Amino acid sequence: MVVYAGPRWLTAARGVLALVFGLLAILLPGLTLVSLAVVFGVYALVGGVVAAVAAAGTRVRGPYLWEAVVLIVTGVVTLVWPGVTILVLVTVLGIWSIVSGLGQLGFASRALREHRAAWLVFLSGAFGVLFGILVIARPSAGVAVIAFLIGLYAILHGVMLLALTYVTRRVG
């Protein structure tokens, strides 16, 4: 069974890069998320240009032009103010967490009489509301948590790739 095709040194290099990226994401959370915002901004800008070109090639221009305008404006705003974009996204995450948590609380309060395990949904909803309030109160802390989770994932992925390199060395 082939788990990964290609030279082992490439797998090891990817593992080391993932570890370095993960450590940088944890140690420099602002830089990590600004970089992601810039990549998103470029992606939106290019998508807007592609939608504008698509609009020129069709008789039904309205939807393409609307998409082009929205994407180009989104891309420009994100590239000009990446930090603001990140804070807005984190704030939206906080609002979503509060709304979702309130929904869970409402569901759990009705279901407590019928299902003994509904207290878990109630607890989840309470945590969601609390998390959302904390994120909205301190959005920069939310940014740091997101960067930490990205970094943690990258580190775990890097360790997995290095372990894969070691195992395939022993097998091969």
C-alpha atoms as a PDB file:
ATOM      1  CA  MET A   1       0.000   0.000   0.000  1.00  0.00           C
ATOM      2  CA  VAL A   2       1.408   3.389  -1.002  1.00  0.00           C
ATOM      3  CA  VAL A   3       0.692   6.099   1.564  1.00  0.00           C
ATOM      4  CA  TYR A   4       2.609   8.893  -0.128  1.00  0.00           C
ATOM      5  CA  ALA A   5       4.279   8.848  -3.507  1.00  0.00           C
ATOM      6  CA  GLY A   6       7.451  10.777  -4.145  1.00  0.00           C
ATOM      7  CA  PRO A   7      10.878  11.123  -2.597  1.00  0.00           C
ATOM      8  CA  ARG A   8      10.972  10.902   1.202  1.00  0.00           C
ATOM      9  CA  TRP A   9      13.088  14.039   1.454  1.00  0.00           C
ATOM     10  CA  LEU A  10      10.214  16.050  -0.070  1.00  0.00           C
ATOM     11  CA  THR A  11       7.852  14.700   2.569  1.00  0.00           C
ATOM     12  CA  ALA A  12      10.386  15.607   5.245  1.00  0.00           C
ATOM     13  CA  ALA A  13      10.839  19.095   3.767  1.00  0.00           C
ATOM     14  CA  ARG A  14       7.078  19.635   3.784  1.00  0.00           C
ATOM     15  CA  GLY A  15       6.998  18.484   7.399  1.00  0.00           C
ATOM     16  CA  VAL A  16       9.734  20.912   8.414  1.00  0.00           C
ATOM     17  CA  LEU A  17       8.034  23.774   6.545  1.00  0.00           C
ATOM     18  CA  ALA A  18       4.742  22.973   8.256  1.00  0.00           C
ATOM     19  CA  LEU A  19       6.494  23.012  11.644  1.00  0.00           C
ATOM     20  CA  VAL A  20       8.144  26.362  10.902  1.00  0.00           C
ATOM     21  CA  PHE A  21       4.873  27.846   9.650  1.00  0.00           C
ATOM     22  CA  GLY A  22       3.044  26.531  12.715  1.00  0.00           C
ATOM     23  CA  LEU A  23       5.587  28.021  15.101  1.00  0.00           C
ATOM     24  CA  LEU A  24       5.476  31.363  13.271  1.00  0.00           C
ATOM     25  CA  ALA A  25       1.677  31.350  13.375  1.00  0.00           C
ATOM     26  CA  ILE A  26       1.744  30.837  17.131  1.00  0.00           C
ATOM     27  CA  LEU A  27       4.586  33.269  17.824  1.00  0.00           C
ATOM     28  CA  LEU A  28       3.462  35.977  15.356  1.00  0.00           C
ATOM     29  CA  PRO A  29      -0.349  35.669  15.162  1.00  0.00           C
ATOM     30  CA  GLY A  30      -0.887  39.116  13.662  1.00  0.00           C
ATOM     31  CA  LEU A  31       1.473  38.458  10.777  1.00  0.00           C
ATOM     32  CA  THR A  32      -0.164  35.099  10.076  1.00  0.00           C
ATOM     33  CA  LEU A  33      -3.658  36.490   9.782  1.00  0.00           C
ATOM     34  CA  VAL A  34      -2.577  39.592   7.873  1.00  0.00           C
ATOM     35  CA  SER A  35      -0.911  37.268   5.361  1.00  0.00           C
ATOM     36  CA  LEU A  36      -4.111  35.250   5.051  1.00  0.00           C
ATOM     37  CA  ALA A  37      -6.113  38.462   4.615  1.00  0.00           C
ATOM     38  CA  VAL A  38      -3.768  39.620   1.841  1.00  0.00           C
ATOM     39  CA  VAL A  39      -4.068  36.269   0.062  1.00  0.00           C
ATOM     40  CA  PHE A  40      -7.857  36.515   0.362  1.00  0.00           C
ATOM     41  CA  GLY A  41      -7.756  40.104  -0.939  1.00  0.00           C
ATOM     42  CA  VAL A  42      -5.770  39.058  -4.012  1.00  0.00           C
ATOM     43  CA  TYR A  43      -8.106  36.101  -4.530  1.00  0.00           C
ATOM     44  CA  ALA A  44     -11.177  38.383  -4.392  1.00  0.00           C
ATOM     45  CA  LEU A  45      -9.580  40.926  -6.724  1.00  0.00           C
ATOM     46  CA  VAL A  46      -8.646  38.276  -9.313  1.00  0.00           C
ATOM     47  CA  GLY A  47     -12.112  36.734  -8.985  1.00  0.00           C
ATOM     48  CA  GLY A  48     -13.634  40.139  -9.664  1.00  0.00           C
ATOM     49  CA  VAL A  49     -11.571  40.621 -12.796  1.00  0.00           C
ATOM     50  CA  VAL A  50     -12.531  37.141 -14.009  1.00  0.00           C
ATOM     51  CA  ALA A  51     -16.219  37.930 -13.377  1.00  0.00           C
ATOM     52  CA  ALA A  52     -15.857  41.210 -15.310  1.00  0.00           C
ATOM     53  CA  VAL A  53     -14.301  39.354 -18.255  1.00  0.00           C
ATOM     54  CA  ALA A  54     -17.132  36.795 -18.079  1.00  0.00           C
ATOM     55  CA  ALA A  55     -19.662  39.648 -18.158  1.00  0.00           C
ATOM     56  CA  ALA A  56     -18.128  40.962 -21.370  1.00  0.00           C
ATOM     57  CA  GLY A  57     -18.599  37.590 -23.040  1.00  0.00           C
ATOM     58  CA  THR A  58     -22.284  37.060 -22.340  1.00  0.00           C
ATOM     59  CA  ARG A  59     -25.643  38.695 -22.990  1.00  0.00           C
ATOM     60  CA  VAL A  60     -26.701  38.218 -19.352  1.00  0.00           C
ATOM     61  CA  ARG A  61     -24.267  40.712 -17.837  1.00  0.00           C
ATOM     62  CA  GLY A  62     -26.100  41.733 -14.653  1.00  0.00           C
ATOM     63  CA  PRO A  63     -25.110  38.928 -12.292  1.00  0.00           C
ATOM     64  CA  TYR A  64     -21.512  38.862 -13.530  1.00  0.00           C
ATOM     65  CA  LEU A  65     -21.132  42.625 -13.231  1.00  0.00           C
ATOM     66  CA  TRP A  66     -22.613  42.601  -9.736  1.00  0.00           C
ATOM     67  CA  GLU A  67     -20.242  39.825  -8.685  1.00  0.00           C
ATOM     68  CA  ALA A  68     -17.313  41.641 -10.296  1.00  0.00           C
ATOM     69  CA  VAL A  69     -18.048  44.871  -8.430  1.00  0.00           C
ATOM     70  CA  VAL A  70     -18.526  43.134  -5.078  1.00  0.00           C
ATOM     71  CA  LEU A  71     -15.353  41.063  -5.461  1.00  0.00           C
ATOM     72  CA  ILE A  72     -13.200  43.943  -6.662  1.00  0.00           C
ATOM     73  CA  VAL A  73     -14.393  46.228  -3.852  1.00  0.00           C
ATOM     74  CA  THR A  74     -13.895  43.419  -1.310  1.00  0.00           C
ATOM     75  CA  GLY A  75     -10.402  42.733  -2.648  1.00  0.00           C
ATOM     76  CA  VAL A  76      -9.360  46.387  -2.600  1.00  0.00           C
ATOM     77  CA  VAL A  77     -10.752  46.986   0.906  1.00  0.00           C
ATOM     78  CA  THR A  78      -9.059  43.823   2.199  1.00  0.00           C
ATOM     79  CA  LEU A  79      -5.711  44.775   0.650  1.00  0.00           C
ATOM     80  CA  VAL A  80      -5.872  48.368   1.892  1.00  0.00           C
ATOM     81  CA  TRP A  81      -7.036  47.466   5.423  1.00  0.00           C
ATOM     82  CA  PRO A  82      -6.160  43.806   6.141  1.00  0.00           C
ATOM     83  CA  GLY A  83      -6.206  44.356   9.903  1.00  0.00           C
ATOM     84  CA  VAL A  84      -9.722  45.793   9.817  1.00  0.00           C
ATOM     85  CA  THR A  85     -10.845  42.886   7.640  1.00  0.00           C
ATOM     86  CA  ILE A  86      -9.540  40.409  10.208  1.00  0.00           C
ATOM     87  CA  LEU A  87     -11.274  42.213  13.082  1.00  0.00           C
ATOM     88  CA  VAL A  88     -14.551  42.310  11.148  1.00  0.00           C
ATOM     89  CA  LEU A  89     -14.337  38.565  10.453  1.00  0.00           C
ATOM     90  CA  VAL A  90     -13.575  37.831  14.112  1.00  0.00           C
ATOM     91  CA  THR A  91     -16.498  40.036  15.169  1.00  0.00           C
ATOM     92  CA  VAL A  92     -18.796  38.186  12.772  1.00  0.00           C
ATOM     93  CA  LEU A  93     -17.543  34.936  14.333  1.00  0.00           C
ATOM     94  CA  GLY A  94     -18.451  36.311  17.768  1.00  0.00           C
ATOM     95  CA  ILE A  95     -21.935  37.344  16.642  1.00  0.00           C
ATOM     96  CA  TRP A  96     -22.497  33.958  15.005  1.00  0.00           C
ATOM     97  CA  SER A  97     -21.391  32.223  18.207  1.00  0.00           C
ATOM     98  CA  ILE A  98     -23.856  34.238  20.301  1.00  0.00           C
ATOM     99  CA  VAL A  99     -26.782  33.667  17.919  1.00  0.00           C
ATOM    100  CA  SER A 100     -25.990  29.963  17.589  1.00  0.00           C
ATOM    101  CA  GLY A 101     -25.568  29.630  21.356  1.00  0.00           C
ATOM    102  CA  LEU A 102     -28.903  31.344  22.028  1.00  0.00           C
ATOM    103  CA  GLY A 103     -30.557  28.954  19.603  1.00  0.00           C
ATOM    104  CA  GLN A 104     -29.033  25.994  21.413  1.00  0.00           C
ATOM    105  CA  LEU A 105     -30.164  27.401  24.766  1.00  0.00           C
ATOM    106  CA  GLY A 106     -33.702  27.789  23.465  1.00  0.00           C
ATOM    107  CA  PHE A 107     -33.768  24.283  22.046  1.00  0.00           C
ATOM    108  CA  ALA A 108     -32.252  22.768  25.185  1.00  0.00           C
ATOM    109  CA  SER A 109     -34.676  24.546  27.512  1.00  0.00           C
ATOM    110  CA  ARG A 110     -37.608  22.950  25.649  1.00  0.00           C
ATOM    111  CA  ALA A 111     -35.923  19.554  25.337  1.00  0.00           C
ATOM    112  CA  LEU A 112     -34.778  19.237  28.972  1.00  0.00           C
ATOM    113  CA  ARG A 113     -38.142  17.765  29.987  1.00  0.00           C
ATOM    114  CA  GLU A 114     -38.008  15.092  27.300  1.00  0.00           C
ATOM    115  CA  HIS A 115     -34.321  14.254  26.931  1.00  0.00           C
ATOM    116  CA  ARG A 116     -31.937  13.858  29.835  1.00  0.00           C
ATOM    117  CA  ALA A 117     -28.923  14.584  27.615  1.00  0.00           C
ATOM    118  CA  ALA A 118     -30.280  18.008  26.599  1.00  0.00           C
ATOM    119  CA  TRP A 119     -28.171  19.548  29.358  1.00  0.00           C
ATOM    120  CA  LEU A 120     -25.169  18.979  27.073  1.00  0.00           C
ATOM    121  CA  VAL A 121     -26.787  21.120  24.384  1.00  0.00           C
ATOM    122  CA  PHE A 122     -27.612  23.706  27.055  1.00  0.00           C
ATOM    123  CA  LEU A 123     -23.980  23.720  28.202  1.00  0.00           C
ATOM    124  CA  SER A 124     -22.751  24.012  24.614  1.00  0.00           C
ATOM    125  CA  GLY A 125     -25.086  26.939  24.015  1.00  0.00           C
ATOM    126  CA  ALA A 126     -23.939  28.683  27.190  1.00  0.00           C
ATOM    127  CA  PHE A 127     -20.315  28.276  26.149  1.00  0.00           C
ATOM    128  CA  GLY A 128     -21.157  29.597  22.683  1.00  0.00           C
ATOM    129  CA  VAL A 129     -22.776  32.727  24.094  1.00  0.00           C
ATOM    130  CA  LEU A 130     -19.888  33.271  26.517  1.00  0.00           C
ATOM    131  CA  PHE A 131     -17.311  32.752  23.757  1.00  0.00           C
ATOM    132  CA  GLY A 132     -19.126  35.179  21.466  1.00  0.00           C
ATOM    133  CA  ILE A 133     -19.322  37.856  24.157  1.00  0.00           C
ATOM    134  CA  LEU A 134     -15.614  37.469  24.911  1.00  0.00           C
ATOM    135  CA  VAL A 135     -14.661  37.643  21.229  1.00  0.00           C
ATOM    136  CA  ILE A 136     -16.747  40.777  20.664  1.00  0.00           C
ATOM    137  CA  ALA A 137     -15.380  42.370  23.837  1.00  0.00           C
ATOM    138  CA  ARG A 138     -11.781  41.565  22.863  1.00  0.00           C
ATOM    139  CA  PRO A 139     -11.560  40.848  19.127  1.00  0.00           C
ATOM    140  CA  SER A 140      -7.760  40.899  19.205  1.00  0.00           C
ATOM    141  CA  ALA A 141      -7.871  37.907  21.553  1.00  0.00           C
ATOM    142  CA  GLY A 142     -10.075  36.119  19.013  1.00  0.00           C
ATOM    143  CA  VAL A 143      -7.497  36.847  16.321  1.00  0.00           C
ATOM    144  CA  ALA A 144      -4.772  35.338  18.494  1.00  0.00           C
ATOM    145  CA  VAL A 145      -6.848  32.202  19.135  1.00  0.00           C
ATOM    146  CA  ILE A 146      -7.510  31.683  15.419  1.00  0.00           C
ATOM    147  CA  ALA A 147      -3.807  32.098  14.627  1.00  0.00           C
ATOM    148  CA  PHE A 148      -2.958  29.684  17.446  1.00  0.00           C
ATOM    149  CA  LEU A 149      -5.321  27.049  16.051  1.00  0.00           C
ATOM    150  CA  ILE A 150      -3.868  27.476  12.557  1.00  0.00           C
ATOM    151  CA  GLY A 151      -0.376  27.119  14.029  1.00  0.00           C
ATOM    152  CA  LEU A 152      -1.328  24.081  16.087  1.00  0.00           C
ATOM    153  CA  TYR A 153      -2.797  22.388  13.026  1.00  0.00           C
ATOM    154  CA  ALA A 154       0.328  23.135  10.984  1.00  0.00           C
ATOM    155  CA  ILE A 155       2.583  21.751  13.727  1.00  0.00           C
ATOM    156  CA  LEU A 156       0.535  18.555  14.024  1.00  0.00           C
ATOM    157  CA  HIS A 157       0.547  18.175  10.244  1.00  0.00           C
ATOM    158  CA  GLY A 158       4.331  18.702  10.169  1.00  0.00           C
ATOM    159  CA  VAL A 159       4.856  16.083  12.872  1.00  0.00           C
ATOM    160  CA  MET A 160       2.665  13.667  10.916  1.00  0.00           C
ATOM    161  CA  LEU A 161       4.684  14.249   7.735  1.00  0.00           C
ATOM    162  CA  LEU A 162       7.978  13.755   9.559  1.00  0.00           C
ATOM    163  CA  ALA A 163       6.636  10.576  11.166  1.00  0.00           C
ATOM    164  CA  LEU A 164       5.524   9.395   7.736  1.00  0.00           C
ATOM    165  CA  THR A 165       9.022  10.051   6.422  1.00  0.00           C
ATOM    166  CA  TYR A 166      10.492   7.992   9.254  1.00  0.00           C
ATOM    167  CA  VAL A 167       8.033   5.096   8.822  1.00  0.00           C
ATOM    168  CA  THR A 168       8.521   4.924   5.053  1.00  0.00           C
ATOM    169  CA  ARG A 169      12.296   4.955   5.556  1.00  0.00           C
ATOM    170  CA  ARG A 170      12.006   1.910   7.796  1.00  0.00           C
ATOM    171  CA  VAL A 171       9.559   0.156   5.453  1.00  0.00           C
ATOM    172  CA  GLY A 172      11.344   1.077   2.222  1.00  0.00           C
END
